[in-house]
Amino acid sequence: MALKICPKCKENSFTWFINGKTHLTSWSCFSCDYEAKQTDNVEQACENCEEKSKIKLKDRENEYWWCSNCSATSDL
């Protein structure tokens, strides 16, 4: 599992695991303790890098698009 750039603190310490109960992917940051859940398993093409690596993440306050390739974020 490679580390990714955290959408909150911008450190290279964001990683994922599969939740056994819900089977949804959970993301967490080792640097700032940020947590978000992936709301579906569909990846879309990112407008920024054009890779098919954009996913929906939801935290306690927001739901947004995040690209695991280039770390770009955008509103839903």
N, C-alpha and C. Protein backbone atom coordinates (compact mmCIF):
# COMPACT_ATOMS: atom_id res chain seq x y z
N MET A 1 0.84 -1.17 0.00
CA MET A 1 0.00 0.00 0.00
C MET A 1 0.89 1.24 0.00
N ALA A 2 0.79 2.02 -1.02
CA ALA A 2 1.58 3.25 -1.11
C ALA A 2 0.89 4.37 -0.34
N LEU A 3 1.68 5.24 0.24
CA LEU A 3 1.14 6.41 0.91
C LEU A 3 0.79 7.47 -0.12
N LYS A 4 -0.24 8.22 0.15
CA LYS A 4 -0.72 9.29 -0.74
C LYS A 4 -0.66 10.62 0.01
N ILE A 5 -0.85 11.71 -0.73
CA ILE A 5 -0.86 13.04 -0.14
C ILE A 5 -2.22 13.27 0.54
N CYS A 6 -2.19 13.61 1.80
CA CYS A 6 -3.41 13.84 2.57
C CYS A 6 -4.12 15.10 2.06
N PRO A 7 -5.43 15.02 1.81
CA PRO A 7 -6.16 16.21 1.35
C PRO A 7 -6.27 17.31 2.41
N LYS A 8 -6.01 16.98 3.66
CA LYS A 8 -6.11 17.99 4.72
C LYS A 8 -4.76 18.64 5.04
N CYS A 9 -3.75 17.84 5.40
CA CYS A 9 -2.47 18.41 5.83
C CYS A 9 -1.41 18.44 4.73
N LYS A 10 -1.70 17.79 3.60
CA LYS A 10 -0.80 17.77 2.43
C LYS A 10 0.50 17.00 2.66
N GLU A 11 0.55 16.17 3.70
CA GLU A 11 1.72 15.33 3.95
C GLU A 11 1.54 13.99 3.24
N ASN A 12 2.63 13.35 2.91
CA ASN A 12 2.61 12.05 2.24
C ASN A 12 2.41 10.95 3.29
N SER A 13 1.20 10.91 3.87
CA SER A 13 0.94 9.97 4.95
C SER A 13 -0.52 9.50 4.98
N PHE A 14 -1.18 9.51 3.85
CA PHE A 14 -2.59 9.13 3.72
C PHE A 14 -2.65 7.71 3.15
N THR A 15 -3.33 6.81 3.84
CA THR A 15 -3.42 5.43 3.39
C THR A 15 -4.83 4.88 3.64
N TRP A 16 -5.11 3.71 3.16
CA TRP A 16 -6.46 3.16 3.20
C TRP A 16 -6.47 1.76 3.79
N PHE A 17 -7.68 1.34 4.20
CA PHE A 17 -7.95 -0.03 4.60
C PHE A 17 -9.42 -0.32 4.33
N ILE A 18 -9.75 -1.58 4.18
CA ILE A 18 -11.13 -2.00 3.94
C ILE A 18 -11.79 -2.30 5.28
N ASN A 19 -12.93 -1.64 5.52
CA ASN A 19 -13.70 -1.88 6.73
C ASN A 19 -14.41 -3.22 6.60
N GLY A 20 -14.20 -4.12 7.55
CA GLY A 20 -14.77 -5.46 7.48
C GLY A 20 -16.28 -5.51 7.57
N LYS A 21 -16.90 -4.56 8.27
CA LYS A 21 -18.35 -4.57 8.43
C LYS A 21 -19.07 -3.99 7.23
N THR A 22 -18.61 -2.85 6.74
CA THR A 22 -19.31 -2.17 5.65
C THR A 22 -18.70 -2.45 4.28
N HIS A 23 -17.50 -2.98 4.25
CA HIS A 23 -16.76 -3.25 3.03
C HIS A 23 -16.45 -1.98 2.23
N LEU A 24 -16.55 -0.83 2.91
CA LEU A 24 -16.15 0.43 2.28
C LEU A 24 -14.70 0.72 2.63
N THR A 25 -14.03 1.43 1.75
CA THR A 25 -12.65 1.80 1.98
C THR A 25 -12.60 3.01 2.91
N SER A 26 -11.80 2.90 3.95
CA SER A 26 -11.57 4.00 4.88
C SER A 26 -10.16 4.52 4.66
N TRP A 27 -10.01 5.85 4.67
CA TRP A 27 -8.73 6.50 4.48
C TRP A 27 -8.37 7.21 5.76
N SER A 28 -7.09 7.18 6.12
CA SER A 28 -6.64 7.89 7.32
C SER A 28 -5.22 8.41 7.12
N CYS A 29 -4.93 9.49 7.83
CA CYS A 29 -3.63 10.14 7.73
C CYS A 29 -2.84 9.90 9.01
N PHE A 30 -1.60 9.44 8.84
CA PHE A 30 -0.74 9.21 10.00
C PHE A 30 -0.21 10.51 10.59
N SER A 31 -0.19 11.58 9.81
CA SER A 31 0.36 12.86 10.29
C SER A 31 -0.64 13.69 11.08
N CYS A 32 -1.87 13.83 10.55
CA CYS A 32 -2.83 14.73 11.20
C CYS A 32 -4.07 14.02 11.75
N ASP A 33 -4.12 12.70 11.64
CA ASP A 33 -5.25 11.88 12.12
C ASP A 33 -6.56 12.14 11.37
N TYR A 34 -6.48 12.75 10.19
CA TYR A 34 -7.68 12.97 9.37
C TYR A 34 -8.22 11.62 8.92
N GLU A 35 -9.53 11.48 8.90
CA GLU A 35 -10.19 10.26 8.44
C GLU A 35 -11.33 10.59 7.49
N ALA A 36 -11.47 9.76 6.46
CA ALA A 36 -12.57 9.89 5.51
C ALA A 36 -12.93 8.51 4.99
N LYS A 37 -14.16 8.38 4.56
CA LYS A 37 -14.63 7.11 3.99
C LYS A 37 -14.90 7.30 2.50
N GLN A 38 -14.55 6.31 1.73
CA GLN A 38 -14.86 6.31 0.31
C GLN A 38 -16.32 5.92 0.18
N THR A 39 -17.12 6.74 -0.51
CA THR A 39 -18.57 6.52 -0.52
C THR A 39 -19.04 5.58 -1.62
N ASP A 40 -18.20 5.29 -2.59
CA ASP A 40 -18.53 4.27 -3.59
C ASP A 40 -17.23 3.72 -4.16
N ASN A 41 -17.33 2.70 -4.98
CA ASN A 41 -16.14 2.06 -5.54
C ASN A 41 -15.87 2.46 -6.99
N VAL A 42 -16.52 3.50 -7.46
CA VAL A 42 -16.37 3.93 -8.84
C VAL A 42 -15.30 5.02 -8.91
N GLU A 43 -14.28 4.79 -9.73
CA GLU A 43 -13.26 5.80 -9.96
C GLU A 43 -13.60 6.52 -11.26
N GLN A 44 -13.37 7.82 -11.28
CA GLN A 44 -13.62 8.62 -12.47
C GLN A 44 -12.33 9.27 -12.94
N ALA A 45 -12.33 9.78 -14.16
CA ALA A 45 -11.17 10.48 -14.69
C ALA A 45 -11.03 11.84 -14.02
N CYS A 46 -9.83 12.17 -13.61
CA CYS A 46 -9.53 13.45 -12.97
C CYS A 46 -9.32 14.50 -14.05
N GLU A 47 -9.94 15.67 -13.85
CA GLU A 47 -9.79 16.77 -14.81
C GLU A 47 -8.38 17.36 -14.77
N ASN A 48 -7.70 17.20 -13.65
CA ASN A 48 -6.37 17.77 -13.47
C ASN A 48 -5.27 16.93 -14.13
N CYS A 49 -5.23 15.63 -13.83
CA CYS A 49 -4.16 14.77 -14.35
C CYS A 49 -4.62 13.80 -15.43
N GLU A 50 -5.94 13.70 -15.64
CA GLU A 50 -6.56 12.85 -16.65
C GLU A 50 -6.43 11.35 -16.39
N GLU A 51 -6.02 10.98 -15.18
CA GLU A 51 -5.97 9.57 -14.79
C GLU A 51 -7.32 9.17 -14.20
N LYS A 52 -7.67 7.91 -14.31
CA LYS A 52 -8.92 7.41 -13.74
C LYS A 52 -8.67 7.04 -12.28
N SER A 53 -8.54 8.06 -11.45
CA SER A 53 -8.18 7.85 -10.05
C SER A 53 -8.90 8.82 -9.11
N LYS A 54 -9.99 9.40 -9.56
CA LYS A 54 -10.78 10.33 -8.75
C LYS A 54 -11.90 9.56 -8.06
N ILE A 55 -11.99 9.72 -6.73
CA ILE A 55 -12.99 9.01 -5.93
C ILE A 55 -13.73 10.00 -5.03
N LYS A 56 -14.89 9.57 -4.55
CA LYS A 56 -15.65 10.38 -3.59
C LYS A 56 -15.21 9.99 -2.18
N LEU A 57 -14.87 11.02 -1.39
CA LEU A 57 -14.56 10.82 0.02
C LEU A 57 -15.53 11.64 0.86
N LYS A 58 -15.86 11.10 2.03
CA LYS A 58 -16.74 11.80 2.95
C LYS A 58 -16.12 11.76 4.34
N ASP A 59 -16.00 12.95 4.95
CA ASP A 59 -15.54 13.04 6.32
C ASP A 59 -16.71 13.51 7.19
N ARG A 60 -16.44 13.96 8.38
CA ARG A 60 -17.52 14.37 9.29
C ARG A 60 -18.24 15.63 8.83
N GLU A 61 -17.58 16.44 8.00
CA GLU A 61 -18.15 17.73 7.60
C GLU A 61 -18.49 17.84 6.12
N ASN A 62 -17.74 17.16 5.26
CA ASN A 62 -17.88 17.36 3.81
C ASN A 62 -17.83 16.05 3.04
N GLU A 63 -18.38 16.11 1.84
CA GLU A 63 -18.20 15.05 0.86
C GLU A 63 -17.64 15.71 -0.38
N TYR A 64 -16.61 15.13 -0.97
CA TYR A 64 -15.90 15.78 -2.07
C TYR A 64 -15.20 14.76 -2.94
N TRP A 65 -14.73 15.21 -4.09
CA TRP A 65 -13.92 14.39 -4.98
C TRP A 65 -12.45 14.55 -4.60
N TRP A 66 -11.69 13.46 -4.66
CA TRP A 66 -10.25 13.49 -4.39
C TRP A 66 -9.56 12.57 -5.37
N CYS A 67 -8.47 13.02 -5.96
CA CYS A 67 -7.71 12.21 -6.90
C CYS A 67 -6.53 11.58 -6.17
N SER A 68 -6.47 10.26 -6.16
CA SER A 68 -5.37 9.57 -5.49
C SER A 68 -4.07 9.65 -6.27
N ASN A 69 -4.13 10.09 -7.52
CA ASN A 69 -2.92 10.23 -8.33
C ASN A 69 -2.25 11.60 -8.12
N CYS A 70 -3.01 12.68 -8.25
CA CYS A 70 -2.41 14.02 -8.17
C CYS A 70 -2.83 14.80 -6.92
N SER A 71 -3.70 14.23 -6.11
CA SER A 71 -4.18 14.82 -4.85
C SER A 71 -5.08 16.03 -5.01
N ALA A 72 -5.60 16.27 -6.21
CA ALA A 72 -6.53 17.38 -6.42
C ALA A 72 -7.86 17.05 -5.73
N THR A 73 -8.50 18.08 -5.20
CA THR A 73 -9.82 17.93 -4.60
C THR A 73 -10.79 18.88 -5.29
N SER A 74 -12.07 18.51 -5.28
CA SER A 74 -13.10 19.38 -5.84
C SER A 74 -14.43 19.05 -5.18
N ASP A 75 -15.31 20.02 -5.18
CA ASP A 75 -16.65 19.84 -4.61
C ASP A 75 -17.47 18.91 -5.47
N LEU A 76 -18.44 18.28 -4.85
CA LEU A 76 -19.38 17.41 -5.60
C LEU A 76 -20.33 18.23 -6.41
